[in-house]
Amino acid sequence: MDATTIRTAVTAAIGSIILSMCLESSASAQTVLDHPSTEEIIKALSPAASRLLERKPGSRSLRGITVEPSATTVPVSINLRVQFDYDRATLTAEAQQTLNTLGSALSNEELDGLNFTIIGHTDAKGPNAYNQQLSQRRALAVVEFLVKKQGLEARRLTSRGRGELDLLIPEDPENPENRRVQIEARPTD
């Protein structure tokens, strides 16, 4: 192996370690909150939290190895328990209360300049393709609620379903904690 190959491999490894540390530091994305307050949601999604995960461009030399990370921001997110009618994308009354709180938080001036992706997740019960479609319908139902009932600008919200692809508890794929709605914040373009 020549020096360039070794340098490239070490740079990639260090970059992976830095990224995994950033992802681990986003603790709010690792648990599901039942009834978060507006303040808890704002704190988890605020630009200050996002800056903690920002990787700034610039070189850094470590024992002769130069690391040049890219200018990327790891999105911050929060997982919420949003209940739907069984096997449907219909929000329960409890879910609507949670989404009213979420809407208040996303409307707060501290979160201006951010766009949000609403990501639906399921557990692993049932066929993967069905869970994917169900999670997409549920994420869309959350976006529609936030736009119609909370007055959020549709251009700031997108929806995405992940089905059972990103289980919160992979060692227990049918655990109800895996069924959740994740709110991911990103700076506007």
Protein backbone atom coordinates (compact mmCIF):
# COMPACT_ATOMS: atom_id res chain seq x y z
CA MET A 1 0.00 0.00 0.00
CA ASP A 2 1.30 3.42 -0.87
CA ALA A 3 1.02 6.48 1.36
CA THR A 4 -1.91 7.94 -0.61
CA THR A 5 -3.97 4.77 -0.24
CA ILE A 6 -3.26 4.60 3.50
CA ARG A 7 -4.06 8.30 3.92
CA THR A 8 -7.36 7.85 2.06
CA ALA A 9 -8.34 4.82 4.16
CA VAL A 10 -7.47 6.56 7.43
CA THR A 11 -9.33 9.72 6.38
CA ALA A 12 -12.44 7.70 5.55
CA ALA A 13 -12.24 5.86 8.88
CA ILE A 14 -11.85 9.06 10.87
CA GLY A 15 -14.74 10.65 8.97
CA SER A 16 -16.93 7.64 9.80
CA ILE A 17 -16.00 7.85 13.47
CA ILE A 18 -16.79 11.58 13.59
CA LEU A 19 -20.14 11.05 11.86
CA SER A 20 -21.11 8.20 14.21
CA MET A 21 -20.23 10.37 17.23
CA CYS A 22 -22.43 13.14 15.85
CA LEU A 23 -25.30 10.76 15.32
CA GLU A 24 -24.93 9.34 18.81
CA SER A 25 -24.99 12.83 20.31
CA SER A 26 -28.47 13.38 18.92
CA ALA A 27 -30.05 11.60 21.89
CA SER A 28 -33.56 12.88 21.26
CA ALA A 29 -33.65 10.83 18.08
CA GLN A 30 -33.00 7.65 20.08
CA THR A 31 -36.12 7.67 22.23
CA VAL A 32 -39.80 8.13 21.54
CA LEU A 33 -41.47 10.96 23.43
CA ASP A 34 -45.08 10.42 24.49
CA HIS A 35 -46.30 13.91 25.38
CA PRO A 36 -43.47 16.37 24.79
CA SER A 37 -43.91 20.02 25.58
CA THR A 38 -43.51 22.74 22.98
CA GLU A 39 -40.26 23.74 24.68
CA GLU A 40 -38.86 20.19 24.53
CA ILE A 41 -39.54 19.99 20.81
CA ILE A 42 -38.01 23.42 20.16
CA LYS A 43 -34.91 22.53 22.17
CA ALA A 44 -34.44 19.26 20.27
CA LEU A 45 -34.88 20.81 16.82
CA SER A 46 -33.34 24.25 17.32
CA PRO A 47 -30.55 25.55 15.11
CA ALA A 48 -28.30 25.46 18.18
CA ALA A 49 -28.73 21.68 18.30
CA SER A 50 -28.05 21.52 14.58
CA ARG A 51 -24.84 23.53 14.97
CA LEU A 52 -23.58 20.97 17.46
CA LEU A 53 -23.66 18.41 14.67
CA GLU A 54 -22.24 20.67 11.96
CA ARG A 55 -19.06 19.53 10.32
CA LYS A 56 -17.14 22.55 9.12
CA PRO A 57 -14.71 22.45 6.21
CA GLY A 58 -11.06 22.78 6.99
CA SER A 59 -7.99 20.66 7.23
CA ARG A 60 -6.65 19.12 10.36
CA SER A 61 -3.40 17.28 10.57
CA LEU A 62 -3.06 14.27 12.83
CA ARG A 63 0.50 12.86 12.87
CA GLY A 64 1.04 13.66 9.25
CA ILE A 65 -2.45 12.62 8.10
CA THR A 66 -4.61 15.44 6.84
CA VAL A 67 -8.35 15.16 7.45
CA GLU A 68 -10.56 17.37 5.29
CA PRO A 69 -14.21 16.91 6.30
CA SER A 70 -16.94 18.11 3.98
CA ALA A 71 -19.26 20.96 4.90
CA THR A 72 -22.34 19.00 5.88
CA THR A 73 -24.85 19.21 8.65
CA VAL A 74 -26.20 16.08 10.23
CA PRO A 75 -29.93 16.68 10.62
CA VAL A 76 -31.30 16.77 14.13
CA SER A 77 -34.51 14.94 14.83
CA ILE A 78 -37.00 13.96 17.46
CA ASN A 79 -39.20 10.88 17.65
CA LEU A 80 -42.81 11.29 18.74
CA ARG A 81 -45.44 8.75 19.60
CA VAL A 82 -48.30 9.65 17.27
CA GLN A 83 -51.19 7.22 17.53
CA PHE A 84 -53.27 6.25 14.50
CA ASP A 85 -56.37 4.12 14.19
CA TYR A 86 -55.40 0.47 13.76
CA ASP A 87 -54.12 -0.30 10.27
CA ARG A 88 -55.04 3.21 9.06
CA ALA A 89 -53.58 6.68 8.62
CA THR A 90 -56.37 8.28 10.66
CA LEU A 91 -55.09 10.33 13.60
CA THR A 92 -56.52 9.58 17.04
CA ALA A 93 -57.63 12.39 19.37
CA GLU A 94 -54.45 11.83 21.42
CA ALA A 95 -52.34 12.15 18.25
CA GLN A 96 -54.04 15.41 17.39
CA GLN A 97 -53.10 16.81 20.81
CA THR A 98 -49.48 15.81 20.23
CA LEU A 99 -49.54 17.37 16.77
CA ASN A 100 -51.06 20.59 18.14
CA THR A 101 -48.01 20.83 20.41
CA LEU A 102 -45.72 19.98 17.50
CA GLY A 103 -47.37 22.64 15.35
CA SER A 104 -46.82 25.26 18.04
CA ALA A 105 -43.17 24.30 18.25
CA LEU A 106 -42.56 24.28 14.50
CA SER A 107 -44.23 27.70 14.25
CA ASN A 108 -41.95 29.18 16.91
CA GLU A 109 -39.52 31.87 15.74
CA GLU A 110 -36.58 29.86 17.14
CA LEU A 111 -37.18 27.35 14.35
CA ASP A 112 -37.47 29.92 11.56
CA GLY A 113 -35.15 29.09 8.69
CA LEU A 114 -35.69 25.36 9.07
CA ASN A 115 -37.59 22.89 6.93
CA PHE A 116 -38.92 19.66 8.38
CA THR A 117 -39.24 16.14 7.06
CA ILE A 118 -41.98 14.11 8.70
CA ILE A 119 -40.90 10.46 8.63
CA GLY A 120 -43.31 7.63 9.36
CA HIS A 121 -41.98 4.39 10.87
CA THR A 122 -43.67 1.06 11.55
CA ASP A 123 -42.70 -2.05 13.43
CA ALA A 124 -41.95 -5.27 11.53
CA LYS A 125 -45.39 -6.86 11.87
CA GLY A 126 -46.85 -7.55 8.45
CA PRO A 127 -45.30 -7.46 4.99
CA ASN A 128 -42.52 -4.94 4.33
CA ALA A 129 -44.22 -3.43 1.26
CA TYR A 130 -47.45 -2.88 3.20
CA ASN A 131 -45.60 -1.28 6.12
CA GLN A 132 -43.80 1.02 3.69
CA GLN A 133 -47.08 2.24 2.20
CA LEU A 134 -48.71 2.60 5.62
CA SER A 135 -45.79 4.66 6.96
CA GLN A 136 -45.97 6.94 3.90
CA ARG A 137 -49.71 7.50 4.36
CA ARG A 138 -49.25 8.23 8.05
CA ALA A 139 -46.42 10.72 7.45
CA LEU A 140 -48.58 12.47 4.86
CA ALA A 141 -51.50 12.58 7.33
CA VAL A 142 -49.24 14.37 9.84
CA VAL A 143 -48.14 16.92 7.23
CA GLU A 144 -51.74 17.54 6.17
CA PHE A 145 -52.77 18.08 9.80
CA LEU A 146 -49.92 20.52 10.42
CA VAL A 147 -50.77 22.51 7.29
CA LYS A 148 -54.58 22.50 7.62
CA LYS A 149 -55.02 22.67 11.40
CA GLN A 150 -51.85 24.44 12.52
CA GLY A 151 -51.32 26.74 9.56
CA LEU A 152 -47.74 25.72 8.84
CA GLU A 153 -46.45 26.54 5.38
CA ALA A 154 -46.57 23.43 3.19
CA ARG A 155 -43.28 24.41 1.54
CA ARG A 156 -41.49 23.86 4.88
CA LEU A 157 -42.76 20.29 5.26
CA THR A 158 -42.12 17.08 3.38
CA SER A 159 -43.23 13.56 4.20
CA ARG A 160 -41.44 10.28 3.85
CA GLY A 161 -42.27 6.74 4.88
CA ARG A 162 -39.57 4.36 6.05
CA GLY A 163 -41.75 1.40 6.97
CA GLU A 164 -39.70 -1.03 8.99
CA LEU A 165 -36.34 0.00 7.50
CA ASP A 166 -35.08 2.09 10.45
CA LEU A 167 -36.23 0.24 13.54
CA LEU A 168 -35.52 2.08 16.76
CA ILE A 169 -35.12 -1.28 18.51
CA PRO A 170 -33.76 -3.63 15.83
CA GLU A 171 -33.26 -6.49 18.30
CA ASP A 172 -37.03 -6.45 18.93
CA PRO A 173 -38.58 -5.67 15.52
CA GLU A 174 -42.20 -5.98 16.69
CA ASN A 175 -41.74 -3.67 19.69
CA PRO A 176 -44.34 -0.87 19.66
CA GLU A 177 -41.54 1.69 20.25
CA ASN A 178 -40.61 1.15 16.60
CA ARG A 179 -43.95 2.69 15.54
CA ARG A 180 -43.29 6.40 15.60
CA VAL A 181 -43.17 9.67 13.70
CA GLN A 182 -39.76 11.26 13.39
CA ILE A 183 -39.39 15.00 12.81
CA GLU A 184 -36.15 15.89 11.09
CA ALA A 185 -34.98 19.52 10.91
CA ARG A 186 -32.77 20.89 8.14
CA PRO A 187 -31.73 24.42 7.24
CA THR A 188 -33.64 25.87 4.32
CA ASP A 189 -31.78 25.88 1.02
